[in-house]
Amino acid sequence: MNRKIALFIAIALVLCCGLLLLWQKDTSTPTDQKDTAPAIDPFTATLQNPSPESLQTISSFVLEQFEQKTPQNLARIMTSAGVRFSPSLAVDATNDRIIGISGLSQLFTDPNTYVWGTHSASGDPINLTGSQYVTNYITNEPFATFTPTLNQISNQGNIIPNLSTVYPNAQWIEYLEPGTSGNSNMDWNSLILVYEYQGNQWFLVGIVSGAWTI
């Protein structure tokens, strides 16, 4: 009888030790496992930075896409409302052309002409293809080589700018080609990229072109 009891006790101890080891394995946290957030690429971090100073980096990216004819890459900084293209500092919130993500992907290949607003001096409609508009109003100067300014309109001619009215919650970056002294600096051109911080990142909402007008 004593031998049977001793054997029973030995088996019970072995089972208890095994269960204890399994419990410790399930409840312990390995030292090499850590709670780490997914890595964020530098450009995404810039987009999510609410400081307006980050807009200079974002604007360099925007200009590069038009220079490289890859505007479809702007999809990551666009909302479903699209981007308004304004050929004048007097933004026409009703008639200026708005392009969505699908339209941008065909900007340089669509052979059709569209009305992009009106000429400031004559009032005539601006009828151009997307490629022609980019050439005449966005890449017409090497804007990326100029020092950008924040929330500034350096030149306006006879135009009354209304960016603050049309985009009351926006910040913008201005690139200015100041013109030449031989033309009394009347051949200046500017490009303004307009952004709004929505949710947790900056979005491009407007592209405004400025030039001297009579």
Protein backbone atom coordinates (compact mmCIF):
# COMPACT_ATOMS: atom_id res chain seq x y z
CA MET A 1 0.00 0.00 0.00
CA ASN A 2 2.75 2.44 0.87
CA ARG A 3 4.43 1.80 -2.46
CA LYS A 4 1.19 2.53 -4.32
CA ILE A 5 0.71 5.74 -2.37
CA ALA A 6 4.30 6.82 -3.02
CA LEU A 7 3.88 6.10 -6.77
CA PHE A 8 0.62 8.04 -6.86
CA ILE A 9 2.23 11.00 -5.13
CA ALA A 10 5.18 10.92 -7.56
CA ILE A 11 2.88 10.93 -10.62
CA ALA A 12 0.82 13.76 -9.15
CA LEU A 13 3.96 15.83 -8.54
CA VAL A 14 5.14 15.31 -12.13
CA LEU A 15 1.76 16.38 -13.50
CA CYS A 16 1.66 19.44 -11.26
CA CYS A 17 5.17 20.50 -12.35
CA GLY A 18 4.21 20.10 -16.01
CA LEU A 19 1.08 22.21 -15.62
CA LEU A 20 3.04 24.87 -13.76
CA LEU A 21 5.60 25.11 -16.56
CA LEU A 22 2.88 25.43 -19.20
CA TRP A 23 1.17 28.21 -17.23
CA GLN A 24 4.40 30.16 -16.87
CA LYS A 25 5.06 29.85 -20.61
CA ASP A 26 1.64 31.21 -21.52
CA THR A 27 1.68 34.12 -19.09
CA SER A 28 5.25 35.28 -19.47
CA THR A 29 6.28 37.95 -22.00
CA PRO A 30 9.44 37.21 -23.99
CA THR A 31 12.10 39.82 -23.43
CA ASP A 32 12.70 40.18 -27.16
CA GLN A 33 9.08 41.22 -27.92
CA LYS A 34 8.20 44.90 -27.71
CA ASP A 35 5.11 46.92 -28.49
CA THR A 36 6.29 49.05 -31.42
CA ALA A 37 4.21 51.25 -33.72
CA PRO A 38 4.52 50.72 -37.49
CA ALA A 39 7.30 52.78 -39.03
CA ILE A 40 6.15 55.96 -40.83
CA ASP A 41 8.04 57.07 -43.91
CA PRO A 42 9.51 60.63 -43.76
CA PHE A 43 7.08 62.15 -46.29
CA THR A 44 4.04 60.80 -44.45
CA ALA A 45 5.46 62.25 -41.24
CA THR A 46 5.77 65.61 -43.01
CA LEU A 47 2.17 65.43 -44.22
CA GLN A 48 0.99 64.73 -40.68
CA ASN A 49 3.00 67.55 -39.15
CA PRO A 50 0.46 70.33 -38.49
CA SER A 51 3.13 73.04 -38.58
CA PRO A 52 2.79 75.21 -41.74
CA GLU A 53 6.57 75.06 -42.04
CA SER A 54 6.21 71.51 -43.37
CA LEU A 55 4.42 72.89 -46.44
CA GLN A 56 7.70 73.87 -48.10
CA THR A 57 8.71 70.21 -48.33
CA ILE A 58 5.25 69.19 -49.54
CA SER A 59 5.28 71.96 -52.16
CA SER A 60 8.60 70.76 -53.55
CA PHE A 61 6.95 67.38 -54.04
CA VAL A 62 3.98 68.98 -55.83
CA LEU A 63 6.17 70.95 -58.23
CA GLU A 64 8.22 67.86 -59.01
CA GLN A 65 5.11 65.92 -60.05
CA PHE A 66 4.13 68.54 -62.60
CA GLU A 67 7.69 68.83 -63.90
CA GLN A 68 7.92 65.04 -64.25
CA LYS A 69 4.38 64.84 -65.69
CA THR A 70 3.28 62.46 -62.94
CA PRO A 71 0.41 64.39 -61.30
CA GLN A 72 -1.30 61.10 -60.42
CA ASN A 73 1.20 60.89 -57.55
CA LEU A 74 -0.63 63.79 -55.94
CA ALA A 75 -3.48 61.42 -55.04
CA ARG A 76 -1.99 60.91 -51.58
CA ILE A 77 -2.40 64.61 -50.77
CA MET A 78 -5.84 65.13 -52.30
CA THR A 79 -9.34 64.85 -50.91
CA SER A 80 -12.34 63.55 -52.83
CA ALA A 81 -13.24 67.20 -53.54
CA GLY A 82 -10.27 67.51 -55.90
CA VAL A 83 -7.99 70.49 -56.57
CA ARG A 84 -9.12 73.87 -57.91
CA PHE A 85 -6.93 75.34 -60.67
CA SER A 86 -7.14 79.15 -60.72
CA PRO A 87 -5.37 81.16 -63.46
CA SER A 88 -5.73 84.38 -61.47
CA LEU A 89 -5.12 85.62 -57.94
CA ALA A 90 -8.81 86.55 -57.97
CA VAL A 91 -9.98 82.98 -57.48
CA ASP A 92 -13.35 82.26 -59.10
CA ALA A 93 -14.79 79.70 -56.72
CA THR A 94 -17.68 79.04 -59.12
CA ASN A 95 -16.03 78.77 -62.53
CA ASP A 96 -12.39 77.79 -61.98
CA ARG A 97 -11.76 74.21 -63.03
CA ILE A 98 -11.67 71.53 -60.31
CA ILE A 99 -9.95 68.23 -61.09
CA GLY A 100 -10.23 65.02 -59.10
CA ILE A 101 -7.80 62.16 -58.78
CA SER A 102 -8.95 60.38 -61.95
CA GLY A 103 -8.71 63.60 -63.95
CA LEU A 104 -5.17 64.25 -62.81
CA SER A 105 -4.08 60.83 -64.02
CA GLN A 106 -5.10 61.89 -67.55
CA LEU A 107 -3.96 65.50 -67.33
CA PHE A 108 -1.14 65.13 -69.86
CA THR A 109 -2.84 62.60 -72.16
CA ASP A 110 -6.37 63.99 -72.53
CA PRO A 111 -6.50 65.71 -75.98
CA ASN A 112 -9.70 67.63 -75.18
CA THR A 113 -9.71 71.33 -74.39
CA TYR A 114 -11.52 72.75 -71.37
CA VAL A 115 -12.36 76.18 -70.01
CA TRP A 116 -9.97 76.97 -67.13
CA GLY A 117 -11.37 80.38 -66.25
CA THR A 118 -11.01 83.70 -67.99
CA HIS A 119 -8.12 85.94 -68.96
CA SER A 120 -7.81 88.73 -66.41
CA ALA A 121 -7.23 91.47 -69.00
CA SER A 122 -9.73 90.55 -71.73
CA GLY A 123 -12.24 88.39 -69.93
CA ASP A 124 -12.01 85.83 -72.72
CA PRO A 125 -12.27 82.16 -71.73
CA ILE A 126 -9.05 80.20 -71.31
CA ASN A 127 -9.47 77.16 -73.58
CA LEU A 128 -6.59 74.73 -73.18
CA THR A 129 -5.80 71.06 -72.81
CA GLY A 130 -4.52 69.98 -69.41
CA SER A 131 -0.98 69.75 -70.75
CA GLN A 132 -1.18 73.25 -72.23
CA TYR A 133 -2.51 74.68 -68.98
CA VAL A 134 0.36 73.19 -66.99
CA THR A 135 2.88 74.55 -69.49
CA ASN A 136 1.39 78.06 -69.44
CA TYR A 137 0.43 78.44 -65.80
CA ILE A 138 2.32 75.98 -63.59
CA THR A 139 5.68 75.12 -65.15
CA ASN A 140 6.02 78.37 -67.11
CA GLU A 141 8.79 79.43 -64.70
CA PRO A 142 11.37 77.40 -62.74
CA PHE A 143 9.41 78.03 -59.55
CA ALA A 144 11.22 75.32 -57.63
CA THR A 145 14.41 77.40 -57.81
CA PHE A 146 12.82 80.39 -56.06
CA THR A 147 12.61 80.84 -52.30
CA PRO A 148 9.04 80.06 -51.17
CA THR A 149 7.16 82.22 -48.69
CA LEU A 150 4.32 81.31 -46.36
CA ASN A 151 0.90 83.00 -46.54
CA GLN A 152 2.21 85.90 -48.58
CA ILE A 153 1.12 87.52 -51.85
CA SER A 154 4.08 89.54 -53.04
CA ASN A 155 2.68 91.02 -56.28
CA GLN A 156 -0.86 91.47 -57.46
CA GLY A 157 -0.98 94.15 -60.18
CA ASN A 158 -4.55 95.35 -60.62
CA ILE A 159 -5.96 92.09 -59.29
CA ILE A 160 -7.52 91.94 -55.84
CA PRO A 161 -6.48 88.58 -54.32
CA ASN A 162 -9.19 86.72 -52.45
CA LEU A 163 -7.47 83.55 -51.23
CA SER A 164 -8.37 84.20 -47.61
CA THR A 165 -12.03 84.49 -48.55
CA VAL A 166 -12.26 81.41 -50.77
CA TYR A 167 -10.00 79.33 -48.50
CA PRO A 168 -10.67 80.64 -44.96
CA ASN A 169 -9.05 77.61 -43.29
CA ALA A 170 -6.04 77.34 -45.57
CA GLN A 171 -2.34 78.01 -45.52
CA TRP A 172 -0.41 78.60 -48.71
CA ILE A 173 3.06 78.64 -50.21
CA GLU A 174 3.96 81.30 -52.76
CA TYR A 175 6.71 81.07 -55.39
CA LEU A 176 7.51 84.37 -57.09
CA GLU A 177 9.45 85.10 -60.26
CA PRO A 178 9.98 88.83 -59.67
CA GLY A 179 10.40 89.85 -63.30
CA THR A 180 13.18 91.83 -64.94
CA SER A 181 14.18 95.43 -64.44
CA GLY A 182 14.25 95.94 -68.19
CA ASN A 183 10.50 95.42 -68.20
CA SER A 184 9.96 97.44 -65.04
CA ASN A 185 9.37 94.08 -63.35
CA MET A 186 5.98 93.90 -65.06
CA ASP A 187 6.80 90.42 -66.38
CA TRP A 188 6.56 88.82 -62.95
CA ASN A 189 4.80 85.51 -62.39
CA SER A 190 3.76 83.69 -59.24
CA LEU A 191 2.49 80.28 -58.29
CA ILE A 192 0.58 79.64 -55.06
CA LEU A 193 -0.12 76.18 -53.66
CA VAL A 194 -3.02 76.15 -51.20
CA TYR A 195 -3.40 73.56 -48.43
CA GLU A 196 -5.83 72.65 -45.68
CA TYR A 197 -5.07 70.48 -42.64
CA GLN A 198 -7.92 67.99 -42.38
CA GLY A 199 -8.07 65.04 -40.04
CA ASN A 200 -4.43 64.28 -39.48
CA GLN A 201 -2.62 65.58 -42.57
CA TRP A 202 -2.20 68.39 -45.09
CA PHE A 203 -4.14 68.25 -48.36
CA LEU A 204 -3.61 70.25 -51.55
CA VAL A 205 -6.86 72.07 -52.36
CA GLY A 206 -5.85 74.81 -54.80
CA ILE A 207 -3.23 75.86 -57.34
CA VAL A 208 -3.32 79.59 -58.09
CA SER A 209 -1.33 81.36 -60.79
CA GLY A 210 -0.55 85.06 -60.73
CA ALA A 211 0.88 87.44 -63.33
CA TRP A 212 1.03 91.14 -64.09
CA THR A 213 -2.11 92.45 -65.76
CA ILE A 214 -3.19 95.83 -67.05
